[in-house]
Amino acid sequence: MVAQAHVYRSGEPRPARLRWAKLSLLANARLHGDDPWEQARMAGQAFALRTWVIEHLGPDADPDWDPAVLAADTLAALPAGPDDARARCAGRRDLPVEHMGELRRQKNLSAHASRLAAILPPGAAKDRIAAWAAVHNLLP
């Protein structure tokens, strides 16, 4: 996507890169449908871009670039807890296909968790995100 490519160009000034990032988020939100796979793909792509922006351009007063807001959004998108996901992974070969799909979506939605945990201040949100980071590689 053109907008996202501008975000990664280090020669452009930070305010311009943030505007491109915002445009990329808006385009991403309009590209996906309403089914669970499309919504998970949209959220995962948004989480990845928001994490990258916070890591490389720094946090900002804008909620999209606030690590605490990103953590809250991430945890809201992951309805089950990481302990539940870990337990379900143990017997995943016996799970119905729709439950496997749910675990796969959780993996996609937690792909940025280790990077996000590294930039969050100590606290409950960091602990919960770190727990998802720990279970991420166990998910199918």
C-alpha atoms as a PDB file:
ATOM      1  CA  MET A   1       0.000   0.000   0.000  1.00  0.00           C
ATOM      2  CA  VAL A   2       1.346   3.405  -0.985  1.00  0.00           C
ATOM      3  CA  ALA A   3       0.407   5.142   2.267  1.00  0.00           C
ATOM      4  CA  GLN A   4       2.204   2.576   4.376  1.00  0.00           C
ATOM      5  CA  ALA A   5       5.318   2.808   2.206  1.00  0.00           C
ATOM      6  CA  HIS A   6       5.506   6.533   3.012  1.00  0.00           C
ATOM      7  CA  VAL A   7       5.402   5.745   6.735  1.00  0.00           C
ATOM      8  CA  TYR A   8       8.583   3.687   6.414  1.00  0.00           C
ATOM      9  CA  ARG A   9      10.526   6.366   4.480  1.00  0.00           C
ATOM     10  CA  SER A  10      12.977   7.777   6.977  1.00  0.00           C
ATOM     11  CA  GLY A  11      13.679  10.826   4.816  1.00  0.00           C
ATOM     12  CA  GLU A  12      10.207  12.248   5.341  1.00  0.00           C
ATOM     13  CA  PRO A  13       9.468  14.405   8.404  1.00  0.00           C
ATOM     14  CA  ARG A  14       7.752  12.741  11.376  1.00  0.00           C
ATOM     15  CA  PRO A  15       4.456  14.692  11.037  1.00  0.00           C
ATOM     16  CA  ALA A  16       4.137  13.631   7.394  1.00  0.00           C
ATOM     17  CA  ARG A  17       4.892  10.023   8.270  1.00  0.00           C
ATOM     18  CA  LEU A  18       2.228  10.098  11.003  1.00  0.00           C
ATOM     19  CA  ARG A  19      -0.326  11.474   8.540  1.00  0.00           C
ATOM     20  CA  TRP A  20       0.559   8.683   6.089  1.00  0.00           C
ATOM     21  CA  ALA A  21       0.208   6.158   8.920  1.00  0.00           C
ATOM     22  CA  LYS A  22      -3.230   7.520   9.793  1.00  0.00           C
ATOM     23  CA  LEU A  23      -4.256   7.275   6.123  1.00  0.00           C
ATOM     24  CA  SER A  24      -2.975   3.700   6.022  1.00  0.00           C
ATOM     25  CA  LEU A  25      -5.086   2.813   9.069  1.00  0.00           C
ATOM     26  CA  LEU A  26      -8.173   4.355   7.468  1.00  0.00           C
ATOM     27  CA  ALA A  27      -7.605   2.491   4.198  1.00  0.00           C
ATOM     28  CA  ASN A  28      -7.043  -0.766   6.099  1.00  0.00           C
ATOM     29  CA  ALA A  29     -10.346  -0.311   7.933  1.00  0.00           C
ATOM     30  CA  ARG A  30     -12.205   0.076   4.638  1.00  0.00           C
ATOM     31  CA  LEU A  31     -10.565  -2.830   2.817  1.00  0.00           C
ATOM     32  CA  HIS A  32     -11.881  -5.664   4.961  1.00  0.00           C
ATOM     33  CA  GLY A  33     -15.273  -7.295   5.298  1.00  0.00           C
ATOM     34  CA  ASP A  34     -17.259  -8.187   8.386  1.00  0.00           C
ATOM     35  CA  ASP A  35     -16.500 -11.889   8.751  1.00  0.00           C
ATOM     36  CA  PRO A  36     -14.223 -12.911  11.643  1.00  0.00           C
ATOM     37  CA  TRP A  37     -11.222 -13.649   9.402  1.00  0.00           C
ATOM     38  CA  GLU A  38     -11.440 -10.264   7.671  1.00  0.00           C
ATOM     39  CA  GLN A  39     -11.874  -8.415  10.955  1.00  0.00           C
ATOM     40  CA  ALA A  40      -8.919 -10.249  12.512  1.00  0.00           C
ATOM     41  CA  ARG A  41      -6.776  -9.482   9.455  1.00  0.00           C
ATOM     42  CA  MET A  42      -7.741  -5.804   9.641  1.00  0.00           C
ATOM     43  CA  ALA A  43      -7.007  -5.578  13.362  1.00  0.00           C
ATOM     44  CA  GLY A  44      -3.733  -7.486  13.070  1.00  0.00           C
ATOM     45  CA  GLN A  45      -2.495  -5.200  10.305  1.00  0.00           C
ATOM     46  CA  ALA A  46      -3.499  -2.117  12.282  1.00  0.00           C
ATOM     47  CA  PHE A  47      -1.806  -3.436  15.427  1.00  0.00           C
ATOM     48  CA  ALA A  48       1.406  -4.138  13.508  1.00  0.00           C
ATOM     49  CA  LEU A  49       1.515  -0.656  11.965  1.00  0.00           C
ATOM     50  CA  ARG A  50       0.658   1.079  15.229  1.00  0.00           C
ATOM     51  CA  THR A  51       3.370  -0.868  17.036  1.00  0.00           C
ATOM     52  CA  TRP A  52       5.925   0.012  14.347  1.00  0.00           C
ATOM     53  CA  VAL A  53       5.022   3.704  14.504  1.00  0.00           C
ATOM     54  CA  ILE A  54       5.347   3.772  18.298  1.00  0.00           C
ATOM     55  CA  GLU A  55       8.678   1.927  18.150  1.00  0.00           C
ATOM     56  CA  HIS A  56      10.226   4.016  15.376  1.00  0.00           C
ATOM     57  CA  LEU A  57       8.532   7.408  15.534  1.00  0.00           C
ATOM     58  CA  GLY A  58       7.714   7.436  19.237  1.00  0.00           C
ATOM     59  CA  PRO A  59       4.460   7.563  21.159  1.00  0.00           C
ATOM     60  CA  ASP A  60       2.136  10.497  20.648  1.00  0.00           C
ATOM     61  CA  ALA A  61      -0.928  12.125  22.209  1.00  0.00           C
ATOM     62  CA  ASP A  62      -2.989  10.616  19.358  1.00  0.00           C
ATOM     63  CA  PRO A  63      -4.625   7.440  20.730  1.00  0.00           C
ATOM     64  CA  ASP A  64      -3.433   5.444  17.704  1.00  0.00           C
ATOM     65  CA  TRP A  65       0.167   6.071  18.772  1.00  0.00           C
ATOM     66  CA  ASP A  66      -0.347   5.585  22.527  1.00  0.00           C
ATOM     67  CA  PRO A  67       1.072   2.240  23.765  1.00  0.00           C
ATOM     68  CA  ALA A  68      -1.506   1.976  26.570  1.00  0.00           C
ATOM     69  CA  VAL A  69      -4.390   2.437  24.118  1.00  0.00           C
ATOM     70  CA  LEU A  70      -2.825  -0.087  21.741  1.00  0.00           C
ATOM     71  CA  ALA A  71      -2.529  -2.569  24.616  1.00  0.00           C
ATOM     72  CA  ALA A  72      -6.184  -2.032  25.557  1.00  0.00           C
ATOM     73  CA  ASP A  73      -7.268  -2.446  21.924  1.00  0.00           C
ATOM     74  CA  THR A  74      -5.198  -5.607  21.606  1.00  0.00           C
ATOM     75  CA  LEU A  75      -6.604  -7.150  24.763  1.00  0.00           C
ATOM     76  CA  ALA A  76     -10.157  -6.262  23.680  1.00  0.00           C
ATOM     77  CA  ALA A  77      -9.570  -8.071  20.365  1.00  0.00           C
ATOM     78  CA  LEU A  78      -8.391 -11.215  22.182  1.00  0.00           C
ATOM     79  CA  PRO A  79     -11.559 -12.354  23.974  1.00  0.00           C
ATOM     80  CA  ALA A  80     -10.103 -15.467  25.589  1.00  0.00           C
ATOM     81  CA  GLY A  81      -7.199 -15.207  27.973  1.00  0.00           C
ATOM     82  CA  PRO A  82      -3.738 -16.521  27.138  1.00  0.00           C
ATOM     83  CA  ASP A  83      -4.084 -19.344  29.660  1.00  0.00           C
ATOM     84  CA  ASP A  84      -7.259 -20.525  27.924  1.00  0.00           C
ATOM     85  CA  ALA A  85      -5.527 -20.344  24.540  1.00  0.00           C
ATOM     86  CA  ARG A  86      -2.542 -22.315  25.886  1.00  0.00           C
ATOM     87  CA  ALA A  87      -4.825 -25.013  27.308  1.00  0.00           C
ATOM     88  CA  ARG A  88      -6.751 -25.321  24.046  1.00  0.00           C
ATOM     89  CA  CYS A  89      -3.489 -25.664  22.114  1.00  0.00           C
ATOM     90  CA  ALA A  90      -2.568 -28.754  24.085  1.00  0.00           C
ATOM     91  CA  GLY A  91      -5.472 -30.676  22.580  1.00  0.00           C
ATOM     92  CA  ARG A  92      -5.789 -28.801  19.325  1.00  0.00           C
ATOM     93  CA  ARG A  93      -5.695 -31.897  17.132  1.00  0.00           C
ATOM     94  CA  ASP A  94      -9.063 -32.872  18.606  1.00  0.00           C
ATOM     95  CA  LEU A  95     -10.647 -29.432  18.218  1.00  0.00           C
ATOM     96  CA  PRO A  96     -13.319 -28.731  15.619  1.00  0.00           C
ATOM     97  CA  VAL A  97     -12.075 -26.690  12.671  1.00  0.00           C
ATOM     98  CA  GLU A  98     -13.875 -23.526  13.831  1.00  0.00           C
ATOM     99  CA  HIS A  99     -12.008 -23.661  17.174  1.00  0.00           C
ATOM    100  CA  MET A 100      -8.718 -24.082  15.308  1.00  0.00           C
ATOM    101  CA  GLY A 101      -9.629 -21.021  13.284  1.00  0.00           C
ATOM    102  CA  GLU A 102     -10.251 -19.065  16.463  1.00  0.00           C
ATOM    103  CA  LEU A 103      -6.816 -20.032  17.785  1.00  0.00           C
ATOM    104  CA  ARG A 104      -5.265 -19.042  14.454  1.00  0.00           C
ATOM    105  CA  ARG A 105      -6.946 -15.637  14.600  1.00  0.00           C
ATOM    106  CA  GLN A 106      -5.640 -15.209  18.150  1.00  0.00           C
ATOM    107  CA  LYS A 107      -2.151 -15.935  16.845  1.00  0.00           C
ATOM    108  CA  ASN A 108      -2.536 -13.274  14.167  1.00  0.00           C
ATOM    109  CA  LEU A 109      -3.937 -10.773  16.661  1.00  0.00           C
ATOM    110  CA  SER A 110      -1.060 -11.346  19.084  1.00  0.00           C
ATOM    111  CA  ALA A 111       1.767 -11.217  16.517  1.00  0.00           C
ATOM    112  CA  HIS A 112       2.925  -7.812  17.773  1.00  0.00           C
ATOM    113  CA  ALA A 113       2.591  -8.672  21.478  1.00  0.00           C
ATOM    114  CA  SER A 114       6.289  -9.172  22.263  1.00  0.00           C
ATOM    115  CA  ARG A 115       7.208  -5.871  20.584  1.00  0.00           C
ATOM    116  CA  LEU A 116       4.381  -4.076  22.377  1.00  0.00           C
ATOM    117  CA  ALA A 117       5.310  -5.585  25.752  1.00  0.00           C
ATOM    118  CA  ALA A 118       8.834  -4.187  25.306  1.00  0.00           C
ATOM    119  CA  ILE A 119       7.554  -0.610  25.075  1.00  0.00           C
ATOM    120  CA  LEU A 120       4.811  -0.700  27.713  1.00  0.00           C
ATOM    121  CA  PRO A 121       5.495   0.623  31.206  1.00  0.00           C
ATOM    122  CA  PRO A 122       5.310  -1.913  34.050  1.00  0.00           C
ATOM    123  CA  GLY A 123       1.776  -2.785  35.076  1.00  0.00           C
ATOM    124  CA  ALA A 124      -1.190  -5.038  34.479  1.00  0.00           C
ATOM    125  CA  ALA A 125      -1.482  -4.277  30.752  1.00  0.00           C
ATOM    126  CA  LYS A 126       2.185  -5.091  30.174  1.00  0.00           C
ATOM    127  CA  ASP A 127       1.808  -8.346  32.128  1.00  0.00           C
ATOM    128  CA  ARG A 128      -1.248  -9.398  30.105  1.00  0.00           C
ATOM    129  CA  ILE A 129       0.385  -8.494  26.782  1.00  0.00           C
ATOM    130  CA  ALA A 130       3.558 -10.359  27.814  1.00  0.00           C
ATOM    131  CA  ALA A 131       1.421 -13.413  28.631  1.00  0.00           C
ATOM    132  CA  TRP A 132       0.008 -13.310  25.087  1.00  0.00           C
ATOM    133  CA  ALA A 133       3.534 -12.929  23.713  1.00  0.00           C
ATOM    134  CA  ALA A 134       4.557 -16.066  25.618  1.00  0.00           C
ATOM    135  CA  VAL A 135       1.688 -18.137  24.219  1.00  0.00           C
ATOM    136  CA  HIS A 136       1.862 -16.708  20.674  1.00  0.00           C
ATOM    137  CA  ASN A 137       4.284 -19.309  19.284  1.00  0.00           C
ATOM    138  CA  LEU A 138       2.227 -22.178  20.711  1.00  0.00           C
ATOM    139  CA  LEU A 139      -0.828 -21.160  18.702  1.00  0.00           C
ATOM    140  CA  PRO A 140      -1.428 -22.924  15.373  1.00  0.00           C
END
